[in-house]
Amino acid sequence: TRAKAAQAAADFETNLAKRREQSERDLASRQAKAEKRLAEIEHRAEQLRLEAEKLRTDAERRARQTVETAQRQAEDIVADANA
């Protein structure tokens, strides 16, 4: 009975160690997946930031062009009125 108890304790420890190792592998796998996903999200966020910056720059350029065109037209109208 003592031998059986010792064997049962050894089996329990072995199973516990196996479960612990499996849990560590599972955790490492989940962590790796989470880190990969985070890297993908950060990359996408940077892409969106760059795209937003380009859109803003383009909008500012178009706005300047519109103002410049309007100013030229206004100057032409004033010049025609004074002629």
C-alpha atoms as a PDB file:
ATOM      1  CA  THR A   1       0.000   0.000   0.000  1.00  0.00           C
ATOM      2  CA  ARG A   2       2.883   2.300   0.696  1.00  0.00           C
ATOM      3  CA  ALA A   3       4.295   1.489  -2.737  1.00  0.00           C
ATOM      4  CA  LYS A   4       0.900   2.167  -4.309  1.00  0.00           C
ATOM      5  CA  ALA A   5       0.634   5.466  -2.494  1.00  0.00           C
ATOM      6  CA  ALA A   6       4.128   6.410  -3.613  1.00  0.00           C
ATOM      7  CA  GLN A   7       3.285   5.408  -7.192  1.00  0.00           C
ATOM      8  CA  ALA A   8       0.026   7.361  -7.049  1.00  0.00           C
ATOM      9  CA  ALA A   9       1.901  10.404  -5.758  1.00  0.00           C
ATOM     10  CA  ALA A  10       4.514  10.022  -8.506  1.00  0.00           C
ATOM     11  CA  ASP A  11       1.788   9.660 -11.151  1.00  0.00           C
ATOM     12  CA  PHE A  12       0.025  12.718  -9.758  1.00  0.00           C
ATOM     13  CA  GLU A  13       3.246  14.746  -9.902  1.00  0.00           C
ATOM     14  CA  THR A  14       3.935  13.523 -13.448  1.00  0.00           C
ATOM     15  CA  ASN A  15       0.441  14.438 -14.604  1.00  0.00           C
ATOM     16  CA  LEU A  16       0.651  17.770 -12.835  1.00  0.00           C
ATOM     17  CA  ALA A  17       3.978  18.526 -14.528  1.00  0.00           C
ATOM     18  CA  LYS A  18       2.528  17.554 -17.931  1.00  0.00           C
ATOM     19  CA  ARG A  19      -0.498  19.790 -17.399  1.00  0.00           C
ATOM     20  CA  ARG A  20       1.737  22.643 -16.262  1.00  0.00           C
ATOM     21  CA  GLU A  21       3.940  22.257 -19.350  1.00  0.00           C
ATOM     22  CA  GLN A  22       0.878  22.135 -21.608  1.00  0.00           C
ATOM     23  CA  SER A  23      -0.513  25.237 -19.919  1.00  0.00           C
ATOM     24  CA  GLU A  24       2.794  27.019 -20.456  1.00  0.00           C
ATOM     25  CA  ARG A  25       2.796  26.029 -24.140  1.00  0.00           C
ATOM     26  CA  ASP A  26      -0.806  27.167 -24.518  1.00  0.00           C
ATOM     27  CA  LEU A  27      -0.027  30.471 -22.831  1.00  0.00           C
ATOM     28  CA  ALA A  28       3.044  30.996 -25.016  1.00  0.00           C
ATOM     29  CA  SER A  29       0.980  30.239 -28.114  1.00  0.00           C
ATOM     30  CA  ARG A  30      -1.785  32.652 -27.090  1.00  0.00           C
ATOM     31  CA  GLN A  31       0.780  35.302 -26.240  1.00  0.00           C
ATOM     32  CA  ALA A  32       2.518  34.878 -29.613  1.00  0.00           C
ATOM     33  CA  LYS A  33      -0.828  35.185 -31.408  1.00  0.00           C
ATOM     34  CA  ALA A  34      -1.730  38.268 -29.383  1.00  0.00           C
ATOM     35  CA  GLU A  35       1.638  39.882 -30.111  1.00  0.00           C
ATOM     36  CA  LYS A  36       1.269  39.118 -33.823  1.00  0.00           C
ATOM     37  CA  ARG A  37      -2.225  40.608 -33.837  1.00  0.00           C
ATOM     38  CA  LEU A  38      -0.979  43.677 -31.966  1.00  0.00           C
ATOM     39  CA  ALA A  39       1.789  44.154 -34.532  1.00  0.00           C
ATOM     40  CA  GLU A  40      -0.774  43.871 -37.342  1.00  0.00           C
ATOM     41  CA  ILE A  41      -3.043  46.414 -35.657  1.00  0.00           C
ATOM     42  CA  GLU A  42      -0.145  48.811 -35.062  1.00  0.00           C
ATOM     43  CA  HIS A  43       0.890  48.465 -38.717  1.00  0.00           C
ATOM     44  CA  ARG A  44      -2.676  49.149 -39.860  1.00  0.00           C
ATOM     45  CA  ALA A  45      -2.915  52.152 -37.534  1.00  0.00           C
ATOM     46  CA  GLU A  46       0.280  53.568 -39.041  1.00  0.00           C
ATOM     47  CA  GLN A  47      -1.081  53.010 -42.555  1.00  0.00           C
ATOM     48  CA  LEU A  48      -4.281  54.836 -41.615  1.00  0.00           C
ATOM     49  CA  ARG A  49      -2.298  57.680 -40.045  1.00  0.00           C
ATOM     50  CA  LEU A  50      -0.226  58.095 -43.205  1.00  0.00           C
ATOM     51  CA  GLU A  51      -3.338  57.944 -45.375  1.00  0.00           C
ATOM     52  CA  ALA A  52      -5.081  60.546 -43.207  1.00  0.00           C
ATOM     53  CA  GLU A  53      -2.022  62.797 -43.390  1.00  0.00           C
ATOM     54  CA  LYS A  54      -1.984  62.507 -47.188  1.00  0.00           C
ATOM     55  CA  LEU A  55      -5.706  63.273 -47.394  1.00  0.00           C
ATOM     56  CA  ARG A  56      -5.234  66.321 -45.152  1.00  0.00           C
ATOM     57  CA  THR A  57      -2.295  67.556 -47.204  1.00  0.00           C
ATOM     58  CA  ASP A  58      -4.236  67.068 -50.440  1.00  0.00           C
ATOM     59  CA  ALA A  59      -7.256  68.894 -49.005  1.00  0.00           C
ATOM     60  CA  GLU A  60      -5.072  71.814 -47.891  1.00  0.00           C
ATOM     61  CA  ARG A  61      -3.495  72.003 -51.352  1.00  0.00           C
ATOM     62  CA  ARG A  62      -6.903  71.992 -53.057  1.00  0.00           C
ATOM     63  CA  ALA A  63      -8.170  74.649 -50.653  1.00  0.00           C
ATOM     64  CA  ARG A  64      -5.167  76.882 -51.412  1.00  0.00           C
ATOM     65  CA  GLN A  65      -5.717  76.410 -55.136  1.00  0.00           C
ATOM     66  CA  THR A  66      -9.396  77.292 -54.764  1.00  0.00           C
ATOM     67  CA  VAL A  67      -8.559  80.454 -52.812  1.00  0.00           C
ATOM     68  CA  GLU A  68      -5.891  81.453 -55.338  1.00  0.00           C
ATOM     69  CA  THR A  69      -8.294  80.894 -58.231  1.00  0.00           C
ATOM     70  CA  ALA A  70     -10.995  82.909 -56.481  1.00  0.00           C
ATOM     71  CA  GLN A  71      -8.543  85.738 -55.801  1.00  0.00           C
ATOM     72  CA  ARG A  72      -7.452  85.817 -59.450  1.00  0.00           C
ATOM     73  CA  GLN A  73     -11.060  85.848 -60.588  1.00  0.00           C
ATOM     74  CA  ALA A  74     -11.869  88.653 -58.166  1.00  0.00           C
ATOM     75  CA  GLU A  75      -8.868  90.634 -59.399  1.00  0.00           C
ATOM     76  CA  ASP A  76      -9.975  90.072 -63.009  1.00  0.00           C
ATOM     77  CA  ILE A  77     -13.500  91.246 -62.186  1.00  0.00           C
ATOM     78  CA  VAL A  78     -12.162  94.373 -60.461  1.00  0.00           C
ATOM     79  CA  ALA A  79      -9.782  95.040 -63.351  1.00  0.00           C
ATOM     80  CA  ASP A  80     -12.616  94.652 -65.880  1.00  0.00           C
ATOM     81  CA  ALA A  81     -14.838  96.946 -63.815  1.00  0.00           C
ATOM     82  CA  ASN A  82     -12.114  99.603 -63.672  1.00  0.00           C
ATOM     83  CA  ALA A  83     -11.369  99.378 -67.387  1.00  0.00           C
END
